[in-house]
Amino acid sequence: MKTFVITGGGTGGHLAIAKALAEALKAQGDEAVFIGSTSGQDRMWFENGSEFVQTHFLPTTGVVNKKGAAKLLALGRVLRAAFQARRIIRRHDACGVISVGGFSAAPASFAALLLGRPLFIHEQNAVTGRLNRLLKPRARLFFSSYDPDSPVRSYPVNRTVAETAHRRTSVSTVIFLGGSQGARAINDFAIATAPMLQARGIRIIHQCGERDFERVEAAYREAGIAAELYAFTRDLPELLRRSDLAVSRAGASTLWELAANALPALFVPYPHAAGDHQYHNAKFLADAGAGWLVRERELTPERLESVLDTGVEEASGRLLRMDRSDGAAEMVQMMKKEC
């Protein structure tokens, strides 16, 4: 049995990868320890989770978007947390550290290098993040579904999503997904298009985010629309199974879960994402004819109607023909050989 430290997070996309890798390690008889941050969503995901034998949350924040004294303060926190992470790695005698990206990953990643333990990196986006660009030359293995040189191209997704994959031939249910925090632009678009969808007999599932739940709920109620509305849910695999088309942000984990389920999507990238990475994530599938891509400023009801009228069968079929192997299991097997 081997023990790995999994580190990173801040957002649901990074944490979904951490969860998939922890489950793959557990399935292969190994153990995972999580090192994240007291900021972001790390605690919400894993403080009481069963995927890890132990979890640690260190007081760090992002560095990239800060300036002056705030940046120096953030760097100081990362440095102190790196020494804490080094002690944790030693205590668990971890054979390697797996970074899934995000600001939470910095302390344990640096600690791995200080200790001479193998560092493994998974880059979730088509545009490599700054921390991963910095650490890539020192990593033992670097994984990316977008990189033709990656030793594993399959994305580490929740396997229950792939198990319910099926070909969509028509649209009876549309699901709106704004990411783990919700997206006001997608919420407004869902409300605006709901009468058209109802007139066509199309059901609506909508994950709107906790901050916007009451407003969106009131809007549907006033319009007399019987939408299936969620602030946040861990039952996303079941919601995807019941859907025929998604209108979604293009965070990497959501994008690849939709692909694994063969659920076509009209992707609306978050316009302020670092390096415009959500646009490039979605473009990867759109260029393959496996989805559609529209900028937020160009999102109109007519664009959605054109997708409905075009039909989803061909896009769903293309998604079914993509590599559907278990990326998390493959990554774990390769990393174990390096330890």
C-alpha atoms as a PDB file:
ATOM      1  CA  MET A   1       0.000   0.000   0.000  1.00  0.00           C
ATOM      2  CA  LYS A   2       1.263   3.470  -0.924  1.00  0.00           C
ATOM      3  CA  THR A   3       0.243   6.880   0.356  1.00  0.00           C
ATOM      4  CA  PHE A   4      -0.013   9.935  -1.869  1.00  0.00           C
ATOM      5  CA  VAL A   5      -0.696  13.532  -0.970  1.00  0.00           C
ATOM      6  CA  ILE A   6      -3.236  15.190  -3.248  1.00  0.00           C
ATOM      7  CA  THR A   7      -3.127  18.968  -3.203  1.00  0.00           C
ATOM      8  CA  GLY A   8      -4.905  21.853  -4.886  1.00  0.00           C
ATOM      9  CA  GLY A   9      -8.359  23.275  -5.157  1.00  0.00           C
ATOM     10  CA  GLY A  10     -10.026  26.586  -4.537  1.00  0.00           C
ATOM     11  CA  THR A  11     -12.747  25.839  -7.097  1.00  0.00           C
ATOM     12  CA  GLY A  12     -14.982  22.869  -7.794  1.00  0.00           C
ATOM     13  CA  GLY A  13     -13.151  22.001 -11.009  1.00  0.00           C
ATOM     14  CA  HIS A  14      -9.855  21.327  -9.255  1.00  0.00           C
ATOM     15  CA  LEU A  15     -11.554  19.557  -6.365  1.00  0.00           C
ATOM     16  CA  ALA A  16     -13.514  17.231  -8.652  1.00  0.00           C
ATOM     17  CA  ILE A  17     -10.187  15.963 -10.012  1.00  0.00           C
ATOM     18  CA  ALA A  18      -8.828  15.518  -6.489  1.00  0.00           C
ATOM     19  CA  LYS A  19     -11.902  13.458  -5.609  1.00  0.00           C
ATOM     20  CA  ALA A  20     -11.603  11.257  -8.711  1.00  0.00           C
ATOM     21  CA  LEU A  21      -7.914  10.565  -8.035  1.00  0.00           C
ATOM     22  CA  ALA A  22      -8.534   9.803  -4.356  1.00  0.00           C
ATOM     23  CA  GLU A  23     -11.264   7.325  -5.288  1.00  0.00           C
ATOM     24  CA  ALA A  24      -8.964   5.689  -7.860  1.00  0.00           C
ATOM     25  CA  LEU A  25      -6.201   5.317  -5.251  1.00  0.00           C
ATOM     26  CA  LYS A  26      -8.647   3.810  -2.767  1.00  0.00           C
ATOM     27  CA  ALA A  27      -9.943   1.367  -5.402  1.00  0.00           C
ATOM     28  CA  GLN A  28      -6.376   0.178  -5.996  1.00  0.00           C
ATOM     29  CA  GLY A  29      -5.736  -0.391  -2.283  1.00  0.00           C
ATOM     30  CA  ASP A  30      -3.764   2.783  -1.643  1.00  0.00           C
ATOM     31  CA  GLU A  31      -4.324   5.867   0.514  1.00  0.00           C
ATOM     32  CA  ALA A  32      -4.681   9.584  -0.153  1.00  0.00           C
ATOM     33  CA  VAL A  33      -4.100  12.549   2.149  1.00  0.00           C
ATOM     34  CA  PHE A  34      -5.480  15.941   1.126  1.00  0.00           C
ATOM     35  CA  ILE A  35      -3.718  19.273   1.628  1.00  0.00           C
ATOM     36  CA  GLY A  36      -5.814  22.297   0.682  1.00  0.00           C
ATOM     37  CA  SER A  37      -6.595  25.789   1.857  1.00  0.00           C
ATOM     38  CA  THR A  38      -8.861  27.391   4.427  1.00  0.00           C
ATOM     39  CA  SER A  39      -9.952  29.672   1.560  1.00  0.00           C
ATOM     40  CA  GLY A  40     -12.073  28.620  -1.399  1.00  0.00           C
ATOM     41  CA  GLN A  41     -14.286  25.520  -1.440  1.00  0.00           C
ATOM     42  CA  ASP A  42     -11.762  22.980  -0.159  1.00  0.00           C
ATOM     43  CA  ARG A  43     -13.345  22.483   3.260  1.00  0.00           C
ATOM     44  CA  MET A  44     -16.864  22.308   1.851  1.00  0.00           C
ATOM     45  CA  TRP A  45     -15.804  19.413  -0.377  1.00  0.00           C
ATOM     46  CA  PHE A  46     -13.521  17.378   1.847  1.00  0.00           C
ATOM     47  CA  GLU A  47     -13.638  18.311   5.535  1.00  0.00           C
ATOM     48  CA  ASN A  48     -15.984  15.395   6.263  1.00  0.00           C
ATOM     49  CA  GLY A  49     -15.242  13.332   3.181  1.00  0.00           C
ATOM     50  CA  SER A  50     -14.448   9.619   3.163  1.00  0.00           C
ATOM     51  CA  GLU A  51     -12.140   9.752   0.133  1.00  0.00           C
ATOM     52  CA  PHE A  52      -9.100  10.687   2.227  1.00  0.00           C
ATOM     53  CA  VAL A  53      -7.536   9.111   5.307  1.00  0.00           C
ATOM     54  CA  GLN A  54      -6.794  12.632   6.559  1.00  0.00           C
ATOM     55  CA  THR A  55      -7.358  16.213   5.372  1.00  0.00           C
ATOM     56  CA  HIS A  56      -5.385  19.380   6.129  1.00  0.00           C
ATOM     57  CA  PHE A  57      -6.431  22.966   5.354  1.00  0.00           C
ATOM     58  CA  LEU A  58      -3.691  25.592   5.469  1.00  0.00           C
ATOM     59  CA  PRO A  59      -4.176  29.386   5.642  1.00  0.00           C
ATOM     60  CA  THR A  60      -3.295  30.404   2.071  1.00  0.00           C
ATOM     61  CA  THR A  61      -4.834  32.655  -0.554  1.00  0.00           C
ATOM     62  CA  GLY A  62      -4.249  33.364  -4.227  1.00  0.00           C
ATOM     63  CA  VAL A  63      -1.165  35.374  -5.236  1.00  0.00           C
ATOM     64  CA  VAL A  64      -1.542  36.089  -8.957  1.00  0.00           C
ATOM     65  CA  ASN A  65      -4.244  38.753  -8.792  1.00  0.00           C
ATOM     66  CA  LYS A  66      -2.742  40.667  -5.849  1.00  0.00           C
ATOM     67  CA  LYS A  67      -0.402  43.653  -5.945  1.00  0.00           C
ATOM     68  CA  GLY A  68       2.128  45.348  -3.660  1.00  0.00           C
ATOM     69  CA  ALA A  69       1.901  44.542   0.033  1.00  0.00           C
ATOM     70  CA  ALA A  70      -1.045  42.181  -0.499  1.00  0.00           C
ATOM     71  CA  LYS A  71       1.055  40.054  -2.861  1.00  0.00           C
ATOM     72  CA  LEU A  72       3.965  39.945  -0.404  1.00  0.00           C
ATOM     73  CA  LEU A  73       1.595  38.931   2.392  1.00  0.00           C
ATOM     74  CA  ALA A  74       0.113  36.161   0.250  1.00  0.00           C
ATOM     75  CA  LEU A  75       3.586  34.899  -0.698  1.00  0.00           C
ATOM     76  CA  GLY A  76       4.524  34.851   2.987  1.00  0.00           C
ATOM     77  CA  ARG A  77       1.504  32.676   3.748  1.00  0.00           C
ATOM     78  CA  VAL A  78       2.484  30.257   0.982  1.00  0.00           C
ATOM     79  CA  LEU A  79       6.033  29.994   2.337  1.00  0.00           C
ATOM     80  CA  ARG A  80       4.857  29.276   5.896  1.00  0.00           C
ATOM     81  CA  ALA A  81       2.314  26.764   4.608  1.00  0.00           C
ATOM     82  CA  ALA A  82       5.029  25.019   2.554  1.00  0.00           C
ATOM     83  CA  PHE A  83       6.916  24.188   5.757  1.00  0.00           C
ATOM     84  CA  GLN A  84       3.676  22.937   7.332  1.00  0.00           C
ATOM     85  CA  ALA A  85       3.037  20.794   4.253  1.00  0.00           C
ATOM     86  CA  ARG A  86       6.563  19.401   4.452  1.00  0.00           C
ATOM     87  CA  ARG A  87       5.874  18.167   7.977  1.00  0.00           C
ATOM     88  CA  ILE A  88       2.582  16.593   6.858  1.00  0.00           C
ATOM     89  CA  ILE A  89       4.246  14.785   3.936  1.00  0.00           C
ATOM     90  CA  ARG A  90       6.925  13.414   6.237  1.00  0.00           C
ATOM     91  CA  ARG A  91       4.426  12.358   8.895  1.00  0.00           C
ATOM     92  CA  HIS A  92       2.411  10.334   6.388  1.00  0.00           C
ATOM     93  CA  ASP A  93       5.562   9.110   4.616  1.00  0.00           C
ATOM     94  CA  ALA A  94       3.900  10.014   1.306  1.00  0.00           C
ATOM     95  CA  CYS A  95       5.702   8.567  -1.696  1.00  0.00           C
ATOM     96  CA  GLY A  96       4.601  11.436  -3.953  1.00  0.00           C
ATOM     97  CA  VAL A  97       2.516  14.588  -4.241  1.00  0.00           C
ATOM     98  CA  ILE A  98      -0.206  15.025  -6.857  1.00  0.00           C
ATOM     99  CA  SER A  99      -1.107  18.616  -7.715  1.00  0.00           C
ATOM    100  CA  VAL A 100      -4.481  19.281  -9.324  1.00  0.00           C
ATOM    101  CA  GLY A 101      -3.780  23.010  -9.650  1.00  0.00           C
ATOM    102  CA  GLY A 102      -5.242  26.137  -8.106  1.00  0.00           C
ATOM    103  CA  PHE A 103      -3.643  28.371  -5.465  1.00  0.00           C
ATOM    104  CA  SER A 104      -4.161  25.676  -2.806  1.00  0.00           C
ATOM    105  CA  ALA A 105      -1.583  23.495  -4.571  1.00  0.00           C
ATOM    106  CA  ALA A 106       1.438  25.747  -4.080  1.00  0.00           C
ATOM    107  CA  PRO A 107       2.568  24.859  -0.508  1.00  0.00           C
ATOM    108  CA  ALA A 108       2.521  21.062  -0.850  1.00  0.00           C
ATOM    109  CA  SER A 109       3.985  21.222  -4.374  1.00  0.00           C
ATOM    110  CA  PHE A 110       6.943  23.259  -3.159  1.00  0.00           C
ATOM    111  CA  ALA A 111       7.258  20.991  -0.125  1.00  0.00           C
ATOM    112  CA  ALA A 112       7.523  17.939  -2.396  1.00  0.00           C
ATOM    113  CA  LEU A 113      10.422  19.541  -4.241  1.00  0.00           C
ATOM    114  CA  LEU A 114      12.131  20.508  -0.958  1.00  0.00           C
ATOM    115  CA  LEU A 115      11.868  16.891   0.220  1.00  0.00           C
ATOM    116  CA  GLY A 116      12.894  15.373  -3.101  1.00  0.00           C
ATOM    117  CA  ARG A 117       9.582  13.506  -3.388  1.00  0.00           C
ATOM    118  CA  PRO A 118       8.096  12.996  -6.876  1.00  0.00           C
ATOM    119  CA  LEU A 119       5.701  15.749  -7.934  1.00  0.00           C
ATOM    120  CA  PHE A 120       2.919  14.880 -10.370  1.00  0.00           C
ATOM    121  CA  ILE A 121       0.758  17.547 -12.005  1.00  0.00           C
ATOM    122  CA  HIS A 122      -2.635  17.411 -13.652  1.00  0.00           C
ATOM    123  CA  GLU A 123      -3.461  20.504 -15.719  1.00  0.00           C
ATOM    124  CA  GLN A 124      -7.208  20.656 -16.172  1.00  0.00           C
ATOM    125  CA  ASN A 125      -7.410  23.477 -18.726  1.00  0.00           C
ATOM    126  CA  ALA A 126      -6.359  24.006 -22.330  1.00  0.00           C
ATOM    127  CA  VAL A 127      -4.297  27.012 -21.155  1.00  0.00           C
ATOM    128  CA  THR A 128      -1.749  25.990 -18.517  1.00  0.00           C
ATOM    129  CA  GLY A 129      -2.009  27.969 -15.282  1.00  0.00           C
ATOM    130  CA  ARG A 130       0.901  30.029 -13.952  1.00  0.00           C
ATOM    131  CA  LEU A 131       1.747  27.727 -11.056  1.00  0.00           C
ATOM    132  CA  ASN A 132       1.738  24.672 -13.307  1.00  0.00           C
ATOM    133  CA  ARG A 133       3.906  26.448 -15.896  1.00  0.00           C
ATOM    134  CA  LEU A 134       6.396  27.214 -13.120  1.00  0.00           C
ATOM    135  CA  LEU A 135       6.437  23.671 -11.744  1.00  0.00           C
ATOM    136  CA  LYS A 136       6.119  21.637 -14.958  1.00  0.00           C
ATOM    137  CA  PRO A 137       9.907  21.357 -15.585  1.00  0.00           C
ATOM    138  CA  ARG A 138      10.332  19.864 -12.085  1.00  0.00           C
ATOM    139  CA  ALA A 139       7.373  17.462 -12.281  1.00  0.00           C
ATOM    140  CA  ARG A 140       7.952  13.725 -12.676  1.00  0.00           C
ATOM    141  CA  LEU A 141       4.811  13.425 -14.836  1.00  0.00           C
ATOM    142  CA  PHE A 142       2.584  16.129 -16.344  1.00  0.00           C
ATOM    143  CA  PHE A 143      -0.951  15.155 -17.387  1.00  0.00           C
ATOM    144  CA  SER A 144      -3.305  17.137 -19.642  1.00  0.00           C
ATOM    145  CA  SER A 145      -6.193  16.037 -21.841  1.00  0.00           C
ATOM    146  CA  TYR A 146      -5.281  18.832 -24.269  1.00  0.00           C
ATOM    147  CA  ASP A 147      -1.555  18.057 -24.557  1.00  0.00           C
ATOM    148  CA  PRO A 148      -0.633  15.525 -27.267  1.00  0.00           C
ATOM    149  CA  ASP A 149       2.524  14.665 -25.286  1.00  0.00           C
ATOM    150  CA  SER A 150       0.628  13.816 -22.091  1.00  0.00           C
ATOM    151  CA  PRO A 151       1.167  10.188 -20.975  1.00  0.00           C
ATOM    152  CA  VAL A 152      -2.594   9.992 -20.235  1.00  0.00           C
ATOM    153  CA  ARG A 153      -5.105  11.955 -22.320  1.00  0.00           C
ATOM    154  CA  SER A 154      -8.283  10.727 -20.613  1.00  0.00           C
ATOM    155  CA  TYR A 155      -9.738  13.180 -18.085  1.00  0.00           C
ATOM    156  CA  PRO A 156     -10.202  11.991 -14.468  1.00  0.00           C
ATOM    157  CA  VAL A 157     -13.974  12.264 -14.067  1.00  0.00           C
ATOM    158  CA  ASN A 158     -16.574  10.827 -11.721  1.00  0.00           C
ATOM    159  CA  ARG A 159     -17.067   7.338 -13.175  1.00  0.00           C
ATOM    160  CA  THR A 160     -20.808   7.336 -12.444  1.00  0.00           C
ATOM    161  CA  VAL A 161     -21.114  10.053 -15.093  1.00  0.00           C
ATOM    162  CA  ALA A 162     -19.530   7.837 -17.746  1.00  0.00           C
ATOM    163  CA  GLU A 163     -21.521   4.782 -16.696  1.00  0.00           C
ATOM    164  CA  THR A 164     -24.814   6.462 -17.671  1.00  0.00           C
ATOM    165  CA  ALA A 165     -23.604   7.808 -21.017  1.00  0.00           C
ATOM    166  CA  HIS A 166     -26.079   7.369 -23.848  1.00  0.00           C
ATOM    167  CA  ARG A 167     -26.781   8.805 -27.274  1.00  0.00           C
ATOM    168  CA  ARG A 168     -29.219  11.732 -27.350  1.00  0.00           C
ATOM    169  CA  THR A 169     -31.445  11.780 -30.404  1.00  0.00           C
ATOM    170  CA  SER A 170     -33.784  14.649 -29.482  1.00  0.00           C
ATOM    171  CA  VAL A 171     -34.180  17.275 -26.762  1.00  0.00           C
ATOM    172  CA  SER A 172     -36.858  16.865 -24.118  1.00  0.00           C
ATOM    173  CA  THR A 173     -34.826  18.317 -21.188  1.00  0.00           C
ATOM    174  CA  VAL A 174     -32.293  21.174 -21.084  1.00  0.00           C
ATOM    175  CA  ILE A 175     -29.975  21.643 -18.111  1.00  0.00           C
ATOM    176  CA  PHE A 176     -28.435  25.044 -17.292  1.00  0.00           C
ATOM    177  CA  LEU A 177     -25.109  24.944 -15.426  1.00  0.00           C
ATOM    178  CA  GLY A 178     -23.261  28.028 -14.213  1.00  0.00           C
ATOM    179  CA  GLY A 179     -20.408  26.271 -12.442  1.00  0.00           C
ATOM    180  CA  SER A 180     -20.030  25.605  -8.722  1.00  0.00           C
ATOM    181  CA  GLN A 181     -20.665  29.277  -7.879  1.00  0.00           C
ATOM    182  CA  GLY A 182     -23.427  29.830 -10.415  1.00  0.00           C
ATOM    183  CA  ALA A 183     -23.351  32.402 -13.216  1.00  0.00           C
ATOM    184  CA  ARG A 184     -25.759  35.329 -13.346  1.00  0.00           C
ATOM    185  CA  ALA A 185     -25.501  35.602 -17.140  1.00  0.00           C
ATOM    186  CA  ILE A 186     -26.559  31.977 -17.604  1.00  0.00           C
ATOM    187  CA  ASN A 187     -29.257  32.372 -14.964  1.00  0.00           C
ATOM    188  CA  ASP A 188     -30.684  35.409 -16.795  1.00  0.00           C
ATOM    189  CA  PHE A 189     -30.494  33.534 -20.089  1.00  0.00           C
ATOM    190  CA  ALA A 190     -32.338  30.538 -18.632  1.00  0.00           C
ATOM    191  CA  ILE A 191     -35.122  32.790 -17.339  1.00  0.00           C
ATOM    192  CA  ALA A 192     -35.362  34.588 -20.690  1.00  0.00           C
ATOM    193  CA  THR A 193     -35.571  31.378 -22.729  1.00  0.00           C
ATOM    194  CA  ALA A 194     -37.818  29.444 -20.337  1.00  0.00           C
ATOM    195  CA  PRO A 195     -41.104  30.495 -22.051  1.00  0.00           C
ATOM    196  CA  MET A 196     -39.760  29.335 -25.437  1.00  0.00           C
ATOM    197  CA  LEU A 197     -38.633  26.013 -23.984  1.00  0.00           C
ATOM    198  CA  GLN A 198     -41.955  25.497 -22.227  1.00  0.00           C
ATOM    199  CA  ALA A 199     -43.832  26.238 -25.460  1.00  0.00           C
ATOM    200  CA  ARG A 200     -41.797  23.505 -27.154  1.00  0.00           C
ATOM    201  CA  GLY A 201     -42.563  21.037 -24.359  1.00  0.00           C
ATOM    202  CA  ILE A 202     -38.956  21.006 -23.110  1.00  0.00           C
ATOM    203  CA  ARG A 203     -38.344  20.530 -19.387  1.00  0.00           C
ATOM    204  CA  ILE A 204     -35.809  22.685 -17.515  1.00  0.00           C
ATOM    205  CA  ILE A 205     -33.216  21.638 -14.947  1.00  0.00           C
ATOM    206  CA  HIS A 206     -31.205  24.526 -13.553  1.00  0.00           C
ATOM    207  CA  GLN A 207     -28.288  24.738 -11.102  1.00  0.00           C
ATOM    208  CA  CYS A 208     -28.124  28.460 -10.390  1.00  0.00           C
ATOM    209  CA  GLY A 209     -25.756  28.852  -7.420  1.00  0.00           C
ATOM    210  CA  GLU A 210     -26.618  29.674  -3.833  1.00  0.00           C
ATOM    211  CA  ARG A 211     -26.198  33.441  -4.158  1.00  0.00           C
ATOM    212  CA  ASP A 212     -28.816  33.748  -6.912  1.00  0.00           C
ATOM    213  CA  PHE A 213     -31.260  31.046  -5.864  1.00  0.00           C
ATOM    214  CA  GLU A 214     -34.016  33.219  -4.383  1.00  0.00           C
ATOM    215  CA  ARG A 215     -34.040  35.641  -7.341  1.00  0.00           C
ATOM    216  CA  VAL A 216     -34.135  32.859  -9.923  1.00  0.00           C
ATOM    217  CA  GLU A 217     -36.790  30.917  -8.006  1.00  0.00           C
ATOM    218  CA  ALA A 218     -38.990  34.022  -7.852  1.00  0.00           C
ATOM    219  CA  ALA A 219     -38.536  34.688 -11.581  1.00  0.00           C
ATOM    220  CA  TYR A 220     -39.650  31.179 -12.531  1.00  0.00           C
ATOM    221  CA  ARG A 221     -42.592  31.379 -10.154  1.00  0.00           C
ATOM    222  CA  GLU A 222     -43.759  34.719 -11.570  1.00  0.00           C
ATOM    223  CA  ALA A 223     -43.466  33.358 -15.113  1.00  0.00           C
ATOM    224  CA  GLY A 224     -45.422  30.223 -14.222  1.00  0.00           C
ATOM    225  CA  ILE A 225     -42.499  27.987 -15.237  1.00  0.00           C
ATOM    226  CA  ALA A 226     -42.108  24.654 -13.436  1.00  0.00           C
ATOM    227  CA  ALA A 227     -38.307  24.463 -13.527  1.00  0.00           C
ATOM    228  CA  GLU A 228     -36.348  21.910 -11.481  1.00  0.00           C
ATOM    229  CA  LEU A 229     -34.121  24.356  -9.629  1.00  0.00           C
ATOM    230  CA  TYR A 230     -31.036  23.729  -7.469  1.00  0.00           C
ATOM    231  CA  ALA A 231     -28.717  26.098  -5.655  1.00  0.00           C
ATOM    232  CA  PHE A 232     -26.002  23.427  -5.520  1.00  0.00           C
ATOM    233  CA  THR A 233     -26.228  19.662  -5.754  1.00  0.00           C
ATOM    234  CA  ARG A 234     -23.969  16.651  -5.483  1.00  0.00           C
ATOM    235  CA  ASP A 235     -26.421  14.636  -7.599  1.00  0.00           C
ATOM    236  CA  LEU A 236     -25.145  16.123 -10.855  1.00  0.00           C
ATOM    237  CA  PRO A 237     -24.494  12.685 -12.468  1.00  0.00           C
ATOM    238  CA  GLU A 238     -28.203  11.855 -12.167  1.00  0.00           C
ATOM    239  CA  LEU A 239     -29.236  15.273 -13.522  1.00  0.00           C
ATOM    240  CA  LEU A 240     -26.930  14.840 -16.511  1.00  0.00           C
ATOM    241  CA  ARG A 241     -28.366  11.390 -17.193  1.00  0.00           C
ATOM    242  CA  ARG A 242     -31.867  12.891 -17.422  1.00  0.00           C
ATOM    243  CA  SER A 243     -30.815  15.743 -19.702  1.00  0.00           C
ATOM    244  CA  ASP A 244     -30.457  15.954 -23.483  1.00  0.00           C
ATOM    245  CA  LEU A 245     -28.689  19.290 -23.895  1.00  0.00           C
ATOM    246  CA  ALA A 246     -26.690  21.518 -21.543  1.00  0.00           C
ATOM    247  CA  VAL A 247     -26.114  25.261 -21.509  1.00  0.00           C
ATOM    248  CA  SER A 248     -22.982  25.538 -19.455  1.00  0.00           C
ATOM    249  CA  ARG A 249     -19.847  27.366 -18.459  1.00  0.00           C
ATOM    250  CA  ALA A 250     -16.709  25.664 -19.756  1.00  0.00           C
ATOM    251  CA  GLY A 251     -14.732  24.881 -16.627  1.00  0.00           C
ATOM    252  CA  ALA A 252     -12.682  21.803 -17.438  1.00  0.00           C
ATOM    253  CA  SER A 253     -14.239  19.322 -14.996  1.00  0.00           C
ATOM    254  CA  THR A 254     -17.803  20.221 -15.999  1.00  0.00           C
ATOM    255  CA  LEU A 255     -16.864  20.124 -19.682  1.00  0.00           C
ATOM    256  CA  TRP A 256     -15.318  16.667 -19.468  1.00  0.00           C
ATOM    257  CA  GLU A 257     -18.127  15.286 -17.301  1.00  0.00           C
ATOM    258  CA  LEU A 258     -20.579  16.389 -19.993  1.00  0.00           C
ATOM    259  CA  ALA A 259     -18.353  14.744 -22.613  1.00  0.00           C
ATOM    260  CA  ALA A 260     -18.082  11.523 -20.591  1.00  0.00           C
ATOM    261  CA  ASN A 261     -21.884  11.395 -20.379  1.00  0.00           C
ATOM    262  CA  ALA A 262     -22.179  12.076 -24.146  1.00  0.00           C
ATOM    263  CA  LEU A 263     -24.331  15.092 -23.259  1.00  0.00           C
ATOM    264  CA  PRO A 264     -23.882  17.834 -25.897  1.00  0.00           C
ATOM    265  CA  ALA A 265     -23.586  21.401 -24.663  1.00  0.00           C
ATOM    266  CA  LEU A 266     -23.807  24.987 -25.773  1.00  0.00           C
ATOM    267  CA  PHE A 267     -20.774  26.342 -23.938  1.00  0.00           C
ATOM    268  CA  VAL A 268     -20.737  29.934 -22.654  1.00  0.00           C
ATOM    269  CA  PRO A 269     -17.193  30.556 -21.337  1.00  0.00           C
ATOM    270  CA  TYR A 270     -16.683  32.797 -18.327  1.00  0.00           C
ATOM    271  CA  PRO A 271     -15.297  35.930 -20.007  1.00  0.00           C
ATOM    272  CA  HIS A 272     -12.884  36.833 -17.213  1.00  0.00           C
ATOM    273  CA  ALA A 273     -11.232  33.433 -16.759  1.00  0.00           C
ATOM    274  CA  ALA A 274      -7.434  33.599 -16.551  1.00  0.00           C
ATOM    275  CA  GLY A 275      -5.917  33.305 -20.006  1.00  0.00           C
ATOM    276  CA  ASP A 276      -9.435  32.937 -21.415  1.00  0.00           C
ATOM    277  CA  HIS A 277      -8.978  29.250 -20.644  1.00  0.00           C
ATOM    278  CA  GLN A 278     -12.698  28.407 -20.631  1.00  0.00           C
ATOM    279  CA  TYR A 279     -12.982  29.565 -24.233  1.00  0.00           C
ATOM    280  CA  HIS A 280     -10.081  27.326 -25.269  1.00  0.00           C
ATOM    281  CA  ASN A 281     -11.497  24.406 -23.261  1.00  0.00           C
ATOM    282  CA  ALA A 282     -14.803  24.641 -25.136  1.00  0.00           C
ATOM    283  CA  LYS A 283     -13.153  25.290 -28.498  1.00  0.00           C
ATOM    284  CA  PHE A 284     -11.437  21.899 -28.193  1.00  0.00           C
ATOM    285  CA  LEU A 285     -14.840  20.151 -28.303  1.00  0.00           C
ATOM    286  CA  ALA A 286     -16.519  22.626 -30.660  1.00  0.00           C
ATOM    287  CA  ASP A 287     -13.753  22.151 -33.243  1.00  0.00           C
ATOM    288  CA  ALA A 288     -14.383  18.396 -33.049  1.00  0.00           C
ATOM    289  CA  GLY A 289     -18.093  18.903 -33.794  1.00  0.00           C
ATOM    290  CA  ALA A 290     -18.922  17.646 -30.306  1.00  0.00           C
ATOM    291  CA  GLY A 291     -20.539  20.820 -28.950  1.00  0.00           C
ATOM    292  CA  TRP A 292     -21.219  24.486 -29.595  1.00  0.00           C
ATOM    293  CA  LEU A 293     -19.457  27.610 -28.387  1.00  0.00           C
ATOM    294  CA  VAL A 294     -20.771  31.136 -27.973  1.00  0.00           C
ATOM    295  CA  ARG A 295     -19.343  34.206 -26.272  1.00  0.00           C
ATOM    296  CA  GLU A 296     -21.443  35.532 -23.401  1.00  0.00           C
ATOM    297  CA  ARG A 297     -22.051  38.847 -25.206  1.00  0.00           C
ATOM    298  CA  GLU A 298     -23.437  36.933 -28.205  1.00  0.00           C
ATOM    299  CA  LEU A 299     -25.711  34.622 -26.223  1.00  0.00           C
ATOM    300  CA  THR A 300     -29.282  34.978 -27.505  1.00  0.00           C
ATOM    301  CA  PRO A 301     -32.434  32.828 -27.443  1.00  0.00           C
ATOM    302  CA  GLU A 302     -32.062  32.457 -31.215  1.00  0.00           C
ATOM    303  CA  ARG A 303     -28.651  30.824 -30.735  1.00  0.00           C
ATOM    304  CA  LEU A 304     -30.153  28.216 -28.434  1.00  0.00           C
ATOM    305  CA  GLU A 305     -33.051  27.642 -30.828  1.00  0.00           C
ATOM    306  CA  SER A 306     -30.615  27.011 -33.667  1.00  0.00           C
ATOM    307  CA  VAL A 307     -28.955  24.279 -31.601  1.00  0.00           C
ATOM    308  CA  LEU A 308     -32.331  22.750 -30.787  1.00  0.00           C
ATOM    309  CA  ASP A 309     -33.305  22.803 -34.456  1.00  0.00           C
ATOM    310  CA  THR A 310     -29.961  21.456 -35.633  1.00  0.00           C
ATOM    311  CA  GLY A 311     -30.403  18.438 -33.422  1.00  0.00           C
ATOM    312  CA  VAL A 312     -28.025  16.922 -30.916  1.00  0.00           C
ATOM    313  CA  GLU A 313     -27.683  13.389 -32.260  1.00  0.00           C
ATOM    314  CA  GLU A 314     -24.494  13.937 -34.265  1.00  0.00           C
ATOM    315  CA  ALA A 315     -22.721  15.814 -31.434  1.00  0.00           C
ATOM    316  CA  SER A 316     -23.752  13.166 -28.908  1.00  0.00           C
ATOM    317  CA  GLY A 317     -22.481  10.439 -31.206  1.00  0.00           C
ATOM    318  CA  ARG A 318     -19.113  12.181 -31.556  1.00  0.00           C
ATOM    319  CA  LEU A 319     -18.828  12.377 -27.772  1.00  0.00           C
ATOM    320  CA  LEU A 320     -19.580   8.665 -27.464  1.00  0.00           C
ATOM    321  CA  ARG A 321     -16.736   7.912 -29.892  1.00  0.00           C
ATOM    322  CA  MET A 322     -14.179   9.862 -27.851  1.00  0.00           C
ATOM    323  CA  ASP A 323     -11.730   8.120 -25.498  1.00  0.00           C
ATOM    324  CA  ARG A 324     -13.807   6.887 -22.559  1.00  0.00           C
ATOM    325  CA  SER A 325     -11.127   5.116 -20.510  1.00  0.00           C
ATOM    326  CA  ASP A 326     -10.742   5.807 -16.793  1.00  0.00           C
ATOM    327  CA  GLY A 327      -8.233   8.657 -16.715  1.00  0.00           C
ATOM    328  CA  ALA A 328      -7.917   8.671 -12.921  1.00  0.00           C
ATOM    329  CA  ALA A 329      -7.113   4.948 -12.746  1.00  0.00           C
ATOM    330  CA  GLU A 330      -4.562   5.237 -15.561  1.00  0.00           C
ATOM    331  CA  MET A 331      -2.861   8.203 -13.898  1.00  0.00           C
ATOM    332  CA  VAL A 332      -2.655   6.398 -10.549  1.00  0.00           C
ATOM    333  CA  GLN A 333      -1.095   3.322 -12.144  1.00  0.00           C
ATOM    334  CA  MET A 334       1.576   5.423 -13.850  1.00  0.00           C
ATOM    335  CA  MET A 335       2.364   7.444 -10.711  1.00  0.00           C
ATOM    336  CA  LYS A 336       2.734   4.316  -8.577  1.00  0.00           C
ATOM    337  CA  LYS A 337       5.411   3.047 -10.958  1.00  0.00           C
ATOM    338  CA  GLU A 338       7.389   6.236 -10.346  1.00  0.00           C
ATOM    339  CA  CYS A 339       7.382   5.882  -6.538  1.00  0.00           C
END
